[in-house]
C-alpha atoms as a PDB file:
ATOM      1  CA  MET A   1      56.019  12.918   0.733  1.00  0.00           C
ATOM      2  CA  ASP A   2      53.904  12.545  -2.180  1.00  0.00           C
ATOM      3  CA  LEU A   3      54.733  10.807  -5.063  1.00  0.00           C
ATOM      4  CA  PRO A   4      55.381  14.110  -7.655  1.00  0.00           C
ATOM      5  CA  THR A   5      56.874  15.548  -5.342  1.00  0.00           C
ATOM      6  CA  PHE A   6      59.285  12.475  -4.611  1.00  0.00           C
ATOM      7  CA  GLU A   7      59.850  12.624  -8.302  1.00  0.00           C
ATOM      8  CA  LYS A   8      60.726  16.128  -8.458  1.00  0.00           C
ATOM      9  CA  ALA A   9      63.730  15.204  -5.447  1.00  0.00           C
ATOM     10  CA  LEU A  10      65.227  12.348  -7.130  1.00  0.00           C
ATOM     11  CA  HIS A  11      65.164  14.243 -10.385  1.00  0.00           C
ATOM     12  CA  ASP A  12      67.091  17.258  -8.230  1.00  0.00           C
ATOM     13  CA  MET A  13      69.582  15.056  -6.189  1.00  0.00           C
ATOM     14  CA  PRO A  14      73.067  14.406  -7.370  1.00  0.00           C
ATOM     15  CA  ILE A  15      73.219  10.889  -9.145  1.00  0.00           C
ATOM     16  CA  PRO A  16      75.224   9.326  -6.966  1.00  0.00           C
ATOM     17  CA  THR A  17      72.459   9.881  -4.135  1.00  0.00           C
ATOM     18  CA  LEU A  18      69.721   8.831  -6.358  1.00  0.00           C
ATOM     19  CA  LEU A  19      71.900   5.416  -6.513  1.00  0.00           C
ATOM     20  CA  THR A  20      71.749   4.841  -2.553  1.00  0.00           C
ATOM     21  CA  GLU A  21      67.782   5.856  -2.585  1.00  0.00           C
ATOM     22  CA  ILE A  22      66.606   2.429  -3.573  1.00  0.00           C
ATOM     23  CA  PRO A  23      69.031   0.376  -0.596  1.00  0.00           C
ATOM     24  CA  THR A  24      67.866   3.216   1.653  1.00  0.00           C
ATOM     25  CA  ILE A  25      64.045   2.641   0.952  1.00  0.00           C
ATOM     26  CA  GLN A  26      64.673  -1.440   1.011  1.00  0.00           C
ATOM     27  CA  ASN A  27      66.621  -1.212   4.414  1.00  0.00           C
ATOM     28  CA  SER A  28      63.028   1.173   6.020  1.00  0.00           C
ATOM     29  CA  MET A  29      61.149  -1.765   4.335  1.00  0.00           C
ATOM     30  CA  ILE A  30      62.899  -4.202   6.245  1.00  0.00           C
ATOM     31  CA  HIS A  31      62.648  -2.918   9.376  1.00  0.00           C
ATOM     32  CA  LEU A  32      58.755  -2.561   8.827  1.00  0.00           C
ATOM     33  CA  LEU A  33      58.646  -6.104   7.842  1.00  0.00           C
ATOM     34  CA  ARG A  34      60.948  -6.982  10.812  1.00  0.00           C
ATOM     35  CA  SER A  35      58.501  -5.021  12.865  1.00  0.00           C
ATOM     36  CA  ASN A  36      55.291  -6.657  11.505  1.00  0.00           C
ATOM     37  CA  GLU A  37      56.824 -10.231  12.067  1.00  0.00           C
ATOM     38  CA  GLU A  38      57.588  -9.426  15.693  1.00  0.00           C
ATOM     39  CA  MET A  39      54.199  -7.759  16.507  1.00  0.00           C
ATOM     40  CA  GLU A  40      52.517 -10.784  14.649  1.00  0.00           C
ATOM     41  CA  ASP A  41      54.438 -13.280  16.972  1.00  0.00           C
ATOM     42  CA  PHE A  42      53.355 -11.381  19.883  1.00  0.00           C
ATOM     43  CA  ASP A  43      49.564 -11.191  19.094  1.00  0.00           C
ATOM     44  CA  PRO A  44      49.457 -13.789  16.560  1.00  0.00           C
ATOM     45  CA  ASP A  45      45.318 -13.677  16.985  1.00  0.00           C
ATOM     46  CA  HIS A  46      45.468  -9.936  16.278  1.00  0.00           C
ATOM     47  CA  LEU A  47      43.403  -9.412  19.531  1.00  0.00           C
ATOM     48  CA  ASP A  48      45.165  -6.279  20.406  1.00  0.00           C
ATOM     49  CA  PRO A  49      43.727  -3.467  18.477  1.00  0.00           C
ATOM     50  CA  ASP A  50      46.595  -0.822  18.613  1.00  0.00           C
ATOM     51  CA  LEU A  51      48.932  -3.926  16.964  1.00  0.00           C
ATOM     52  CA  THR A  52      46.618  -4.648  14.475  1.00  0.00           C
ATOM     53  CA  SER A  53      46.427  -1.266  13.546  1.00  0.00           C
ATOM     54  CA  ALA A  54      50.243  -0.539  13.680  1.00  0.00           C
ATOM     55  CA  ILE A  55      50.475  -3.670  11.316  1.00  0.00           C
ATOM     56  CA  ALA A  56      48.359  -2.172   8.687  1.00  0.00           C
ATOM     57  CA  GLU A  57      49.991   0.938   8.359  1.00  0.00           C
ATOM     58  CA  ASN A  58      53.301  -0.444   8.216  1.00  0.00           C
ATOM     59  CA  LYS A  59      51.981  -2.474   5.110  1.00  0.00           C
ATOM     60  CA  GLU A  60      50.536   0.570   3.955  1.00  0.00           C
ATOM     61  CA  VAL A  61      54.094   2.178   4.322  1.00  0.00           C
ATOM     62  CA  ILE A  62      55.925  -0.897   2.247  1.00  0.00           C
ATOM     63  CA  ASP A  63      53.609  -0.683  -1.001  1.00  0.00           C
ATOM     64  CA  ARG A  64      54.020   3.404  -1.125  1.00  0.00           C
ATOM     65  CA  GLN A  65      57.650   2.707  -0.905  1.00  0.00           C
ATOM     66  CA  ASN A  66      57.586   0.118  -2.979  1.00  0.00           C
ATOM     67  CA  GLN A  67      55.576   2.762  -5.562  1.00  0.00           C
ATOM     68  CA  ARG A  68      59.072   5.028  -4.754  1.00  0.00           C
ATOM     69  CA  ILE A  69      61.185   2.608  -5.700  1.00  0.00           C
ATOM     70  CA  ASP A  70      59.364   1.932  -8.782  1.00  0.00           C
ATOM     71  CA  LEU A  71      59.512   5.769  -9.377  1.00  0.00           C
ATOM     72  CA  ALA A  72      63.336   5.767  -8.224  1.00  0.00           C
ATOM     73  CA  ILE A  73      64.270   2.777 -11.037  1.00  0.00           C
ATOM     74  CA  ALA A  74      62.177   5.172 -13.731  1.00  0.00           C
ATOM     75  CA  VAL A  75      63.878   8.089 -12.837  1.00  0.00           C
ATOM     76  CA  ILE A  76      67.694   6.613 -12.892  1.00  0.00           C
ATOM     77  CA  ARG A  77      66.564   5.308 -16.599  1.00  0.00           C
ATOM     78  CA  GLU A  78      65.860   8.913 -17.746  1.00  0.00           C
ATOM     79  CA  ARG A  79      68.629  10.475 -15.464  1.00  0.00           C
ATOM     80  CA  ILE A  80      71.494   7.589 -16.203  1.00  0.00           C
ATOM     81  CA  ASN A  81      70.534   4.895 -18.975  1.00  0.00           C
ATOM     82  CA  ASP A  82      68.634   1.615 -19.580  1.00  0.00           C
ATOM     83  CA  ALA A  83      71.653  -0.593 -18.037  1.00  0.00           C
ATOM     84  CA  ALA A  84      71.797   1.104 -14.694  1.00  0.00           C
ATOM     85  CA  ALA A  85      67.793   1.049 -14.470  1.00  0.00           C
ATOM     86  CA  LYS A  86      67.705  -2.831 -15.383  1.00  0.00           C
ATOM     87  CA  GLU A  87      70.627  -3.232 -13.452  1.00  0.00           C
ATOM     88  CA  MET A  88      68.586  -1.793  -9.914  1.00  0.00           C
ATOM     89  CA  ALA A  89      65.313  -3.294 -10.730  1.00  0.00           C
ATOM     90  CA  ASP A  90      67.415  -6.689 -10.972  1.00  0.00           C
ATOM     91  CA  THR A  91      68.260  -5.917  -7.896  1.00  0.00           C
ATOM     92  CA  VAL A  92      64.881  -4.956  -6.322  1.00  0.00           C
ATOM     93  CA  ALA A  93      63.054  -7.958  -8.040  1.00  0.00           C
ATOM     94  CA  THR A  94      66.190  -9.911  -6.123  1.00  0.00           C
ATOM     95  CA  PHE A  95      64.797  -8.191  -2.915  1.00  0.00           C
ATOM     96  CA  ARG A  96      61.142  -8.195  -3.564  1.00  0.00           C
ATOM     97  CA  GLU A  97      61.296 -12.197  -3.931  1.00  0.00           C
ATOM     98  CA  LYS A  98      63.834 -12.345  -0.886  1.00  0.00           C
ATOM     99  CA  TYR A  99      61.147 -10.325   1.424  1.00  0.00           C
ATOM    100  CA  LEU A 100      58.176  -9.472   0.186  1.00  0.00           C
ATOM    101  CA  PRO A 101      55.319 -12.665   0.423  1.00  0.00           C
ATOM    102  CA  ALA A 102      53.673 -12.835  -3.067  1.00  0.00           C
ATOM    103  CA  PRO A 103      50.177 -12.376  -2.775  1.00  0.00           C
ATOM    104  CA  SER A 104      48.006 -15.393  -2.092  1.00  0.00           C
ATOM    105  CA  SER A 105      45.292 -16.123  -4.983  1.00  0.00           C
ATOM    106  CA  ALA A 106      42.837 -14.901  -2.500  1.00  0.00           C
ATOM    107  CA  ASP A 107      44.785 -11.361  -2.326  1.00  0.00           C
ATOM    108  CA  HIS A 108      44.726 -11.348  -6.012  1.00  0.00           C
ATOM    109  CA  ALA A 109      40.870 -12.230  -6.286  1.00  0.00           C
ATOM    110  CA  GLU A 110      40.404  -8.388  -4.825  1.00  0.00           C
ATOM    111  CA  GLU A 111      42.667  -6.732  -6.831  1.00  0.00           C
ATOM    112  CA  GLY A 112      42.783  -5.322 -10.283  1.00  0.00           C
ATOM    113  CA  VAL A 113      40.532  -3.605 -12.529  1.00  0.00           C
ATOM    114  CA  PHE A 114      36.812  -4.921 -12.836  1.00  0.00           C
ATOM    115  CA  LEU A 115      34.775  -3.412 -15.825  1.00  0.00           C
END
């Protein structure tokens, strides 16, 4: 589902369901991260093209899920209030610190806006 469709779904769902969306996405992310870790342990030298491809695909899905989480926080702010959005954002920040590795300086060199 693309982001505009996901945003519409967030606006249409009942508030209790909206509040469970972020933990649901985070649970999915944990499974993908664990799967990647297991594949990397099995093939540390990235010699298996299928595993390498699966790891890359999982990383793309995790990136999209991060975008969905950010969108869900924005919709919570719109539909409920800033306090609820801040609490969810704090929870998300803790989750990201625990489970998502900080990009290395080499990663930062490739990211960003270049003019």
